[in-house]
PDB file of N, CA and C in Angstrom:
ATOM      1  N   MET A   1       0.842  -1.167   0.000  1.00  0.00           N
ATOM      2  CA  MET A   1       0.000   0.000   0.000  1.00  0.00           C
ATOM      3  C   MET A   1       0.892   1.237   0.000  1.00  0.00           C
ATOM      4  N   THR A   2       0.564   2.179  -0.883  1.00  0.00           N
ATOM      5  CA  THR A   2       1.358   3.401  -0.949  1.00  0.00           C
ATOM      6  C   THR A   2       0.831   4.435   0.035  1.00  0.00           C
ATOM      7  N   VAL A   3       1.633   5.452   0.276  1.00  0.00           N
ATOM      8  CA  VAL A   3       1.207   6.550   1.147  1.00  0.00           C
ATOM      9  C   VAL A   3      -0.033   7.211   0.562  1.00  0.00           C
ATOM     10  N   LEU A   4      -0.056   7.386  -0.757  1.00  0.00           N
ATOM     11  CA  LEU A   4      -1.199   8.017  -1.399  1.00  0.00           C
ATOM     12  C   LEU A   4      -2.463   7.197  -1.193  1.00  0.00           C
ATOM     13  N   GLU A   5      -2.369   5.892  -1.395  1.00  0.00           N
ATOM     14  CA  GLU A   5      -3.539   5.038  -1.191  1.00  0.00           C
ATOM     15  C   GLU A   5      -4.024   5.120   0.242  1.00  0.00           C
ATOM     16  N   THR A   6      -3.107   5.152   1.178  1.00  0.00           N
ATOM     17  CA  THR A   6      -3.478   5.250   2.584  1.00  0.00           C
ATOM     18  C   THR A   6      -4.179   6.567   2.858  1.00  0.00           C
ATOM     19  N   ASN A   7      -3.617   7.659   2.372  1.00  0.00           N
ATOM     20  CA  ASN A   7      -4.200   8.968   2.632  1.00  0.00           C
ATOM     21  C   ASN A   7      -5.488   9.206   1.865  1.00  0.00           C
ATOM     22  N   LEU A   8      -5.638   8.558   0.728  1.00  0.00           N
ATOM     23  CA  LEU A   8      -6.876   8.693  -0.027  1.00  0.00           C
ATOM     24  C   LEU A   8      -7.976   7.821   0.544  1.00  0.00           C
ATOM     25  N   GLY A   9      -7.609   6.770   1.254  1.00  0.00           N
ATOM     26  CA  GLY A   9      -8.608   5.808   1.683  1.00  0.00           C
ATOM     27  C   GLY A   9      -9.091   5.026   0.472  1.00  0.00           C
ATOM     28  N   ALA A  10      -8.184   4.790  -0.465  1.00  0.00           N
ATOM     29  CA  ALA A  10      -8.530   4.204  -1.755  1.00  0.00           C
ATOM     30  C   ALA A  10      -8.339   2.700  -1.768  1.00  0.00           C
ATOM     31  N   THR A  11      -8.794   2.106  -2.862  1.00  0.00           N
ATOM     32  CA  THR A  11      -8.588   0.689  -3.089  1.00  0.00           C
ATOM     33  C   THR A  11      -7.349   0.521  -3.947  1.00  0.00           C
ATOM     34  N   SER A  12      -6.437  -0.298  -3.529  1.00  0.00           N
ATOM     35  CA  SER A  12      -5.231  -0.556  -4.297  1.00  0.00           C
ATOM     36  C   SER A  12      -5.573  -1.414  -5.499  1.00  0.00           C
ATOM     37  N   SER A  13      -4.927  -1.139  -6.644  1.00  0.00           N
ATOM     38  CA  SER A  13      -5.172  -1.955  -7.823  1.00  0.00           C
ATOM     39  C   SER A  13      -4.633  -3.365  -7.629  1.00  0.00           C
ATOM     40  N   ASN A  14      -3.670  -3.538  -6.729  1.00  0.00           N
ATOM     41  CA  ASN A  14      -3.113  -4.855  -6.453  1.00  0.00           C
ATOM     42  C   ASN A  14      -3.791  -5.532  -5.273  1.00  0.00           C
ATOM     43  N   ASN A  15      -4.693  -4.849  -4.631  1.00  0.00           N
ATOM     44  CA  ASN A  15      -5.342  -5.363  -3.433  1.00  0.00           C
ATOM     45  C   ASN A  15      -6.816  -5.042  -3.538  1.00  0.00           C
ATOM     46  N   SER A  16      -7.671  -6.053  -3.590  1.00  0.00           N
ATOM     47  CA  SER A  16      -9.082  -5.822  -3.829  1.00  0.00           C
ATOM     48  C   SER A  16      -9.841  -5.353  -2.601  1.00  0.00           C
ATOM     49  N   SER A  17      -9.216  -5.365  -1.435  1.00  0.00           N
ATOM     50  CA  SER A  17      -9.931  -4.909  -0.242  1.00  0.00           C
ATOM     51  C   SER A  17      -9.884  -3.394  -0.142  1.00  0.00           C
ATOM     52  N   VAL A  18     -10.953  -2.814   0.363  1.00  0.00           N
ATOM     53  CA  VAL A  18     -11.020  -1.368   0.541  1.00  0.00           C
ATOM     54  C   VAL A  18     -10.320  -1.007   1.834  1.00  0.00           C
ATOM     55  N   ILE A  19      -9.523   0.028   1.792  1.00  0.00           N
ATOM     56  CA  ILE A  19      -8.821   0.484   2.985  1.00  0.00           C
ATOM     57  C   ILE A  19      -9.804   1.299   3.804  1.00  0.00           C
ATOM     58  N   ASN A  20     -10.122   0.824   4.987  1.00  0.00           N
ATOM     59  CA  ASN A  20     -11.126   1.484   5.809  1.00  0.00           C
ATOM     60  C   ASN A  20     -10.542   2.475   6.790  1.00  0.00           C
ATOM     61  N   GLU A  21      -9.293   2.324   7.133  1.00  0.00           N
ATOM     62  CA  GLU A  21      -8.690   3.214   8.107  1.00  0.00           C
ATOM     63  C   GLU A  21      -7.583   4.016   7.447  1.00  0.00           C
ATOM     64  N   SER A  22      -7.479   5.249   7.850  1.00  0.00           N
ATOM     65  CA  SER A  22      -6.435   6.114   7.326  1.00  0.00           C
ATOM     66  C   SER A  22      -5.384   6.324   8.397  1.00  0.00           C
ATOM     67  N   VAL A  23      -4.150   6.447   7.979  1.00  0.00           N
ATOM     68  CA  VAL A  23      -3.087   6.732   8.931  1.00  0.00           C
ATOM     69  C   VAL A  23      -2.674   8.195   8.838  1.00  0.00           C
ATOM     70  N   ALA A  24      -3.607   9.035   8.394  1.00  0.00           N
ATOM     71  CA  ALA A  24      -3.324  10.470   8.352  1.00  0.00           C
ATOM     72  C   ALA A  24      -2.983  10.928   9.759  1.00  0.00           C
ATOM     73  N   THR A  25      -2.059  11.851   9.833  1.00  0.00           N
ATOM     74  CA  THR A  25      -1.649  12.333  11.146  1.00  0.00           C
ATOM     75  C   THR A  25      -2.798  13.092  11.795  1.00  0.00           C
ATOM     76  N   PRO A  26      -2.808  13.164  13.111  1.00  0.00           N
ATOM     77  CA  PRO A  26      -3.886  13.879  13.799  1.00  0.00           C
ATOM     78  C   PRO A  26      -4.034  15.302  13.267  1.00  0.00           C
ATOM     79  N   GLY A  27      -5.266  15.702  13.067  1.00  0.00           N
ATOM     80  CA  GLY A  27      -5.536  17.033  12.550  1.00  0.00           C
ATOM     81  C   GLY A  27      -5.609  17.096  11.038  1.00  0.00           C
ATOM     82  N   GLN A  28      -5.231  16.021  10.368  1.00  0.00           N
ATOM     83  CA  GLN A  28      -5.303  15.976   8.912  1.00  0.00           C
ATOM     84  C   GLN A  28      -6.491  15.132   8.487  1.00  0.00           C
ATOM     85  N   GLN A  29      -7.075  15.499   7.340  1.00  0.00           N
ATOM     86  CA  GLN A  29      -8.142  14.706   6.755  1.00  0.00           C
ATOM     87  C   GLN A  29      -7.583  13.965   5.549  1.00  0.00           C
ATOM     88  N   THR A  30      -8.172  12.818   5.260  1.00  0.00           N
ATOM     89  CA  THR A  30      -7.832  12.154   4.009  1.00  0.00           C
ATOM     90  C   THR A  30      -8.455  12.965   2.882  1.00  0.00           C
ATOM     91  N   LEU A  31      -8.020  12.724   1.664  1.00  0.00           N
ATOM     92  CA  LEU A  31      -8.604  13.397   0.513  1.00  0.00           C
ATOM     93  C   LEU A  31     -10.090  13.076   0.436  1.00  0.00           C
ATOM     94  N   ARG A  32     -10.424  11.838   0.677  1.00  0.00           N
ATOM     95  CA  ARG A  32     -11.828  11.417   0.638  1.00  0.00           C
ATOM     96  C   ARG A  32     -12.663  12.209   1.640  1.00  0.00           C
ATOM     97  N   GLU A  33     -12.158  12.338   2.859  1.00  0.00           N
ATOM     98  CA  GLU A  33     -12.879  13.090   3.892  1.00  0.00           C
ATOM     99  C   GLU A  33     -13.011  14.558   3.496  1.00  0.00           C
ATOM    100  N   SER A  34     -11.969  15.105   2.911  1.00  0.00           N
ATOM    101  CA  SER A  34     -12.010  16.498   2.469  1.00  0.00           C
ATOM    102  C   SER A  34     -13.078  16.703   1.403  1.00  0.00           C
ATOM    103  N   VAL A  35     -13.175  15.755   0.475  1.00  0.00           N
ATOM    104  CA  VAL A  35     -14.188  15.840  -0.578  1.00  0.00           C
ATOM    105  C   VAL A  35     -15.584  15.737   0.032  1.00  0.00           C
ATOM    106  N   GLU A  36     -15.764  14.806   0.963  1.00  0.00           N
ATOM    107  CA  GLU A  36     -17.073  14.654   1.605  1.00  0.00           C
ATOM    108  C   GLU A  36     -17.494  15.941   2.304  1.00  0.00           C
ATOM    109  N   VAL A  37     -16.582  16.561   3.026  1.00  0.00           N
ATOM    110  CA  VAL A  37     -16.881  17.815   3.730  1.00  0.00           C
ATOM    111  C   VAL A  37     -17.185  18.924   2.725  1.00  0.00           C
ATOM    112  N   ALA A  38     -16.353  19.035   1.691  1.00  0.00           N
ATOM    113  CA  ALA A  38     -16.545  20.082   0.686  1.00  0.00           C
ATOM    114  C   ALA A  38     -17.888  19.928  -0.027  1.00  0.00           C
ATOM    115  N   MET A  39     -18.263  18.688  -0.348  1.00  0.00           N
ATOM    116  CA  MET A  39     -19.537  18.468  -1.037  1.00  0.00           C
ATOM    117  C   MET A  39     -20.718  18.784  -0.123  1.00  0.00           C
ATOM    118  N   ALA A  40     -20.619  18.410   1.132  1.00  0.00           N
ATOM    119  CA  ALA A  40     -21.692  18.726   2.086  1.00  0.00           C
ATOM    120  C   ALA A  40     -21.859  20.242   2.194  1.00  0.00           C
ATOM    121  N   GLN A  41     -20.749  20.966   2.282  1.00  0.00           N
ATOM    122  CA  GLN A  41     -20.807  22.430   2.357  1.00  0.00           C
ATOM    123  C   GLN A  41     -21.381  23.026   1.073  1.00  0.00           C
ATOM    124  N   TYR A  42     -20.993  22.472  -0.065  1.00  0.00           N
ATOM    125  CA  TYR A  42     -21.492  22.952  -1.357  1.00  0.00           C
ATOM    126  C   TYR A  42     -23.005  22.801  -1.431  1.00  0.00           C
ATOM    127  N   PHE A  43     -23.509  21.626  -1.056  1.00  0.00           N
ATOM    128  CA  PHE A  43     -24.950  21.393  -1.115  1.00  0.00           C
ATOM    129  C   PHE A  43     -25.705  22.281  -0.132  1.00  0.00           C
ATOM    130  N   GLU A  44     -25.126  22.530   1.024  1.00  0.00           N
ATOM    131  CA  GLU A  44     -25.753  23.436   1.995  1.00  0.00           C
ATOM    132  C   GLU A  44     -25.867  24.841   1.420  1.00  0.00           C
ATOM    133  N   GLN A  45     -24.833  25.290   0.731  1.00  0.00           N
ATOM    134  CA  GLN A  45     -24.820  26.640   0.175  1.00  0.00           C
ATOM    135  C   GLN A  45     -25.774  26.798  -1.004  1.00  0.00           C
ATOM    136  N   LEU A  46     -26.128  25.686  -1.647  1.00  0.00           N
ATOM    137  CA  LEU A  46     -27.053  25.754  -2.775  1.00  0.00           C
ATOM    138  C   LEU A  46     -28.441  26.202  -2.335  1.00  0.00           C
ATOM    139  N   ASP A  47     -28.809  25.854  -1.119  1.00  0.00           N
ATOM    140  CA  ASP A  47     -30.098  26.250  -0.557  1.00  0.00           C
ATOM    141  C   ASP A  47     -31.254  25.920  -1.502  1.00  0.00           C
ATOM    142  N   GLY A  48     -31.231  24.704  -2.041  1.00  0.00           N
ATOM    143  CA  GLY A  48     -32.323  24.229  -2.881  1.00  0.00           C
ATOM    144  C   GLY A  48     -32.196  24.555  -4.356  1.00  0.00           C
ATOM    145  N   GLN A  49     -31.166  25.288  -4.752  1.00  0.00           N
ATOM    146  CA  GLN A  49     -30.978  25.607  -6.165  1.00  0.00           C
ATOM    147  C   GLN A  49     -30.612  24.345  -6.939  1.00  0.00           C
ATOM    148  N   GLU A  50     -30.917  24.357  -8.229  1.00  0.00           N
ATOM    149  CA  GLU A  50     -30.614  23.214  -9.084  1.00  0.00           C
ATOM    150  C   GLU A  50     -29.102  23.052  -9.254  1.00  0.00           C
ATOM    151  N   VAL A  51     -28.649  21.818  -9.255  1.00  0.00           N
ATOM    152  CA  VAL A  51     -27.236  21.500  -9.459  1.00  0.00           C
ATOM    153  C   VAL A  51     -27.020  21.198 -10.939  1.00  0.00           C
ATOM    154  N   VAL A  52     -26.009  21.834 -11.536  1.00  0.00           N
ATOM    155  CA  VAL A  52     -25.713  21.629 -12.952  1.00  0.00           C
ATOM    156  C   VAL A  52     -24.213  21.411 -13.125  1.00  0.00           C
ATOM    157  N   ASP A  53     -23.842  20.415 -13.899  1.00  0.00           N
ATOM    158  CA  ASP A  53     -22.436  20.131 -14.234  1.00  0.00           C
ATOM    159  C   ASP A  53     -21.552  19.912 -13.011  1.00  0.00           C
ATOM    160  N   LEU A  54     -22.085  19.265 -12.001  1.00  0.00           N
ATOM    161  CA  LEU A  54     -21.342  19.035 -10.766  1.00  0.00           C
ATOM    162  C   LEU A  54     -20.100  18.179 -11.006  1.00  0.00           C
ATOM    163  N   TYR A  55     -20.230  17.149 -11.810  1.00  0.00           N
ATOM    164  CA  TYR A  55     -19.097  16.264 -12.083  1.00  0.00           C
ATOM    165  C   TYR A  55     -17.932  17.056 -12.678  1.00  0.00           C
ATOM    166  N   GLU A  56     -18.201  17.855 -13.699  1.00  0.00           N
ATOM    167  CA  GLU A  56     -17.146  18.640 -14.345  1.00  0.00           C
ATOM    168  C   GLU A  56     -16.530  19.636 -13.372  1.00  0.00           C
ATOM    169  N   LEU A  57     -17.352  20.241 -12.527  1.00  0.00           N
ATOM    170  CA  LEU A  57     -16.851  21.186 -11.530  1.00  0.00           C
ATOM    171  C   LEU A  57     -15.867  20.509 -10.580  1.00  0.00           C
ATOM    172  N   VAL A  58     -16.254  19.359 -10.055  1.00  0.00           N
ATOM    173  CA  VAL A  58     -15.405  18.647  -9.096  1.00  0.00           C
ATOM    174  C   VAL A  58     -14.131  18.147  -9.768  1.00  0.00           C
ATOM    175  N   ILE A  59     -14.275  17.552 -10.941  1.00  0.00           N
ATOM    176  CA  ILE A  59     -13.105  17.020 -11.648  1.00  0.00           C
ATOM    177  C   ILE A  59     -12.107  18.137 -11.951  1.00  0.00           C
ATOM    178  N   SER A  60     -12.587  19.279 -12.419  1.00  0.00           N
ATOM    179  CA  SER A  60     -11.660  20.363 -12.755  1.00  0.00           C
ATOM    180  C   SER A  60     -10.972  20.921 -11.512  1.00  0.00           C
ATOM    181  N   GLU A  61     -11.657  20.916 -10.380  1.00  0.00           N
ATOM    182  CA  GLU A  61     -11.055  21.398  -9.137  1.00  0.00           C
ATOM    183  C   GLU A  61      -9.980  20.442  -8.616  1.00  0.00           C
ATOM    184  N   VAL A  62     -10.137  19.162  -8.894  1.00  0.00           N
ATOM    185  CA  VAL A  62      -9.178  18.160  -8.412  1.00  0.00           C
ATOM    186  C   VAL A  62      -8.080  17.904  -9.446  1.00  0.00           C
ATOM    187  N   GLU A  63      -8.467  17.861 -10.707  1.00  0.00           N
ATOM    188  CA  GLU A  63      -7.535  17.471 -11.760  1.00  0.00           C
ATOM    189  C   GLU A  63      -6.392  18.474 -11.948  1.00  0.00           C
ATOM    190  N   ALA A  64      -6.694  19.752 -11.920  1.00  0.00           N
ATOM    191  CA  ALA A  64      -5.652  20.765 -12.146  1.00  0.00           C
ATOM    192  C   ALA A  64      -4.539  20.687 -11.099  1.00  0.00           C
ATOM    193  N   PRO A  65      -4.856  20.698  -9.793  1.00  0.00           N
ATOM    194  CA  PRO A  65      -3.762  20.587  -8.819  1.00  0.00           C
ATOM    195  C   PRO A  65      -3.075  19.223  -8.846  1.00  0.00           C
ATOM    196  N   LEU A  66      -3.807  18.177  -9.224  1.00  0.00           N
ATOM    197  CA  LEU A  66      -3.194  16.856  -9.365  1.00  0.00           C
ATOM    198  C   LEU A  66      -2.143  16.891 -10.469  1.00  0.00           C
ATOM    199  N   LEU A  67      -2.511  17.455 -11.603  1.00  0.00           N
ATOM    200  CA  LEU A  67      -1.563  17.562 -12.713  1.00  0.00           C
ATOM    201  C   LEU A  67      -0.347  18.399 -12.323  1.00  0.00           C
ATOM    202  N   GLU A  68      -0.589  19.517 -11.639  1.00  0.00           N
ATOM    203  CA  GLU A  68       0.521  20.369 -11.198  1.00  0.00           C
ATOM    204  C   GLU A  68       1.473  19.602 -10.284  1.00  0.00           C
ATOM    205  N   ALA A  69       0.911  18.859  -9.350  1.00  0.00           N
ATOM    206  CA  ALA A  69       1.736  18.108  -8.396  1.00  0.00           C
ATOM    207  C   ALA A  69       2.542  17.017  -9.091  1.00  0.00           C
ATOM    208  N   VAL A  70       1.898  16.288  -9.988  1.00  0.00           N
ATOM    209  CA  VAL A  70       2.588  15.192 -10.681  1.00  0.00           C
ATOM    210  C   VAL A  70       3.662  15.744 -11.615  1.00  0.00           C
ATOM    211  N   MET A  71       3.357  16.829 -12.313  1.00  0.00           N
ATOM    212  CA  MET A  71       4.361  17.413 -13.206  1.00  0.00           C
ATOM    213  C   MET A  71       5.544  17.958 -12.408  1.00  0.00           C
ATOM    214  N   SER A  72       5.281  18.513 -11.255  1.00  0.00           N
ATOM    215  CA  SER A  72       6.366  18.985 -10.390  1.00  0.00           C
ATOM    216  C   SER A  72       7.202  17.808  -9.895  1.00  0.00           C
ATOM    217  N   TYR A  73       6.526  16.756  -9.449  1.00  0.00           N
ATOM    218  CA  TYR A  73       7.209  15.568  -8.928  1.00  0.00           C
ATOM    219  C   TYR A  73       8.103  14.930  -9.987  1.00  0.00           C
ATOM    220  N   THR A  74       7.622  14.917 -11.238  1.00  0.00           N
ATOM    221  CA  THR A  74       8.390  14.296 -12.323  1.00  0.00           C
ATOM    222  C   THR A  74       9.286  15.307 -13.034  1.00  0.00           C
ATOM    223  N   ARG A  75       9.373  16.516 -12.474  1.00  0.00           N
ATOM    224  CA  ARG A  75      10.201  17.596 -13.038  1.00  0.00           C
ATOM    225  C   ARG A  75       9.873  17.856 -14.508  1.00  0.00           C
ATOM    226  N   GLY A  76       8.564  17.831 -14.810  1.00  0.00           N
ATOM    227  CA  GLY A  76       8.101  18.139 -16.151  1.00  0.00           C
ATOM    228  C   GLY A  76       8.214  17.009 -17.149  1.00  0.00           C
ATOM    229  N   ASN A  77       8.636  15.841 -16.718  1.00  0.00           N
ATOM    230  CA  ASN A  77       8.784  14.702 -17.622  1.00  0.00           C
ATOM    231  C   ASN A  77       7.401  14.103 -17.885  1.00  0.00           C
ATOM    232  N   GLN A  78       6.884  14.346 -19.084  1.00  0.00           N
ATOM    233  CA  GLN A  78       5.534  13.907 -19.419  1.00  0.00           C
ATOM    234  C   GLN A  78       5.411  12.388 -19.481  1.00  0.00           C
ATOM    235  N   THR A  79       6.439  11.723 -19.917  1.00  0.00           N
ATOM    236  CA  THR A  79       6.394  10.260 -19.976  1.00  0.00           C
ATOM    237  C   THR A  79       6.266   9.680 -18.572  1.00  0.00           C
ATOM    238  N   LYS A  80       7.095  10.169 -17.648  1.00  0.00           N
ATOM    239  CA  LYS A  80       7.007   9.694 -16.265  1.00  0.00           C
ATOM    240  C   LYS A  80       5.671  10.085 -15.636  1.00  0.00           C
ATOM    241  N   ALA A  81       5.205  11.296 -15.932  1.00  0.00           N
ATOM    242  CA  ALA A  81       3.932  11.760 -15.372  1.00  0.00           C
ATOM    243  C   ALA A  81       2.770  10.918 -15.882  1.00  0.00           C
ATOM    244  N   SER A  82       2.767  10.615 -17.170  1.00  0.00           N
ATOM    245  CA  SER A  82       1.673   9.814 -17.724  1.00  0.00           C
ATOM    246  C   SER A  82       1.689   8.404 -17.148  1.00  0.00           C
ATOM    247  N   THR A  83       2.874   7.849 -16.948  1.00  0.00           N
ATOM    248  CA  THR A  83       2.986   6.527 -16.331  1.00  0.00           C
ATOM    249  C   THR A  83       2.494   6.571 -14.890  1.00  0.00           C
ATOM    250  N   ALA A  84       2.916   7.580 -14.153  1.00  0.00           N
ATOM    251  CA  ALA A  84       2.507   7.706 -12.752  1.00  0.00           C
ATOM    252  C   ALA A  84       0.993   7.832 -12.619  1.00  0.00           C
ATOM    253  N   MET A  85       0.369   8.534 -13.566  1.00  0.00           N
ATOM    254  CA  MET A  85      -1.071   8.753 -13.497  1.00  0.00           C
ATOM    255  C   MET A  85      -1.873   7.640 -14.164  1.00  0.00           C
ATOM    256  N   GLY A  86      -1.193   6.758 -14.882  1.00  0.00           N
ATOM    257  CA  GLY A  86      -1.905   5.692 -15.579  1.00  0.00           C
ATOM    258  C   GLY A  86      -2.651   6.201 -16.803  1.00  0.00           C
ATOM    259  N   LEU A  87      -2.092   7.233 -17.423  1.00  0.00           N
ATOM    260  CA  LEU A  87      -2.700   7.836 -18.604  1.00  0.00           C
ATOM    261  C   LEU A  87      -1.804   7.647 -19.812  1.00  0.00           C
ATOM    262  N   ASN A  88      -2.408   7.654 -20.973  1.00  0.00           N
ATOM    263  CA  ASN A  88      -1.664   7.718 -22.216  1.00  0.00           C
ATOM    264  C   ASN A  88      -1.012   9.096 -22.277  1.00  0.00           C
ATOM    265  N   ARG A  89       0.183   9.188 -22.825  1.00  0.00           N
ATOM    266  CA  ARG A  89       0.887  10.474 -22.870  1.00  0.00           C
ATOM    267  C   ARG A  89       0.087  11.526 -23.632  1.00  0.00           C
ATOM    268  N   GLY A  90      -0.603  11.112 -24.687  1.00  0.00           N
ATOM    269  CA  GLY A  90      -1.442  12.044 -25.449  1.00  0.00           C
ATOM    270  C   GLY A  90      -2.585  12.594 -24.604  1.00  0.00           C
ATOM    271  N   THR A  91      -3.174  11.739 -23.784  1.00  0.00           N
ATOM    272  CA  THR A  91      -4.247  12.170 -22.886  1.00  0.00           C
ATOM    273  C   THR A  91      -3.709  13.154 -21.860  1.00  0.00           C
ATOM    274  N   LEU A  92      -2.529  12.870 -21.335  1.00  0.00           N
ATOM    275  CA  LEU A  92      -1.908  13.792 -20.386  1.00  0.00           C
ATOM    276  C   LEU A  92      -1.699  15.155 -21.035  1.00  0.00           C
ATOM    277  N   ARG A  93      -1.163  15.176 -22.243  1.00  0.00           N
ATOM    278  CA  ARG A  93      -0.920  16.444 -22.938  1.00  0.00           C
ATOM    279  C   ARG A  93      -2.226  17.211 -23.160  1.00  0.00           C
ATOM    280  N   LYS A  94      -3.269  16.497 -23.500  1.00  0.00           N
ATOM    281  CA  LYS A  94      -4.582  17.126 -23.707  1.00  0.00           C
ATOM    282  C   LYS A  94      -5.062  17.790 -22.418  1.00  0.00           C
ATOM    283  N   LYS A  95      -4.894  17.110 -21.297  1.00  0.00           N
ATOM    284  CA  LYS A  95      -5.305  17.653 -19.999  1.00  0.00           C
ATOM    285  C   LYS A  95      -4.426  18.839 -19.604  1.00  0.00           C
ATOM    286  N   LEU A  96      -3.136  18.748 -19.861  1.00  0.00           N
ATOM    287  CA  LEU A  96      -2.236  19.860 -19.565  1.00  0.00           C
ATOM    288  C   LEU A  96      -2.626  21.098 -20.366  1.00  0.00           C
ATOM    289  N   LYS A  97      -2.988  20.912 -21.626  1.00  0.00           N
ATOM    290  CA  LYS A  97      -3.430  22.034 -22.460  1.00  0.00           C
ATOM    291  C   LYS A  97      -4.732  22.620 -21.927  1.00  0.00           C
ATOM    292  N   LYS A  98      -5.641  21.756 -21.519  1.00  0.00           N
ATOM    293  CA  LYS A  98      -6.944  22.197 -21.004  1.00  0.00           C
ATOM    294  C   LYS A  98      -6.781  23.173 -19.841  1.00  0.00           C
ATOM    295  N   TYR A  99      -5.802  22.923 -18.984  1.00  0.00           N
ATOM    296  CA  TYR A  99      -5.592  23.751 -17.799  1.00  0.00           C
ATOM    297  C   TYR A  99      -4.474  24.779 -17.982  1.00  0.00           C
ATOM    298  N   GLY A 100      -4.041  24.976 -19.227  1.00  0.00           N
ATOM    299  CA  GLY A 100      -3.033  25.991 -19.516  1.00  0.00           C
ATOM    300  C   GLY A 100      -1.661  25.682 -18.952  1.00  0.00           C
ATOM    301  N   MET A 101      -1.328  24.403 -18.865  1.00  0.00           N
ATOM    302  CA  MET A 101      -0.035  23.999 -18.310  1.00  0.00           C
ATOM    303  C   MET A 101       0.946  23.565 -19.387  1.00  0.00           C
ATOM    304  N   LEU A 102       0.558  23.737 -20.622  1.00  0.00           N
ATOM    305  CA  LEU A 102       1.426  23.323 -21.727  1.00  0.00           C
ATOM    306  C   LEU A 102       1.479  24.417 -22.764  1.00  0.00           C
TER     307      LEU A 102
END
């Protein structure tokens, strides 16, 4: 299990069991917990208004900083970044262009 999988509370691709406990340090939330809190707050603020394009909103809020972090970690190496993310290099480039990172 990787640190990321632990902090995400995610399912490992090599391990079919769901990780139920996080080893996040005290005072920290897992990414999953952060998303749950953010979504609850978002729905509260809607005050009954119709929700439109929620999936795209959430994905764009998560995807851009994810791409920034991975590109920084790989020092701009798109091949390493695409491998790390499990994406085709062309798909990675398309996403980088979408967020003005290329």
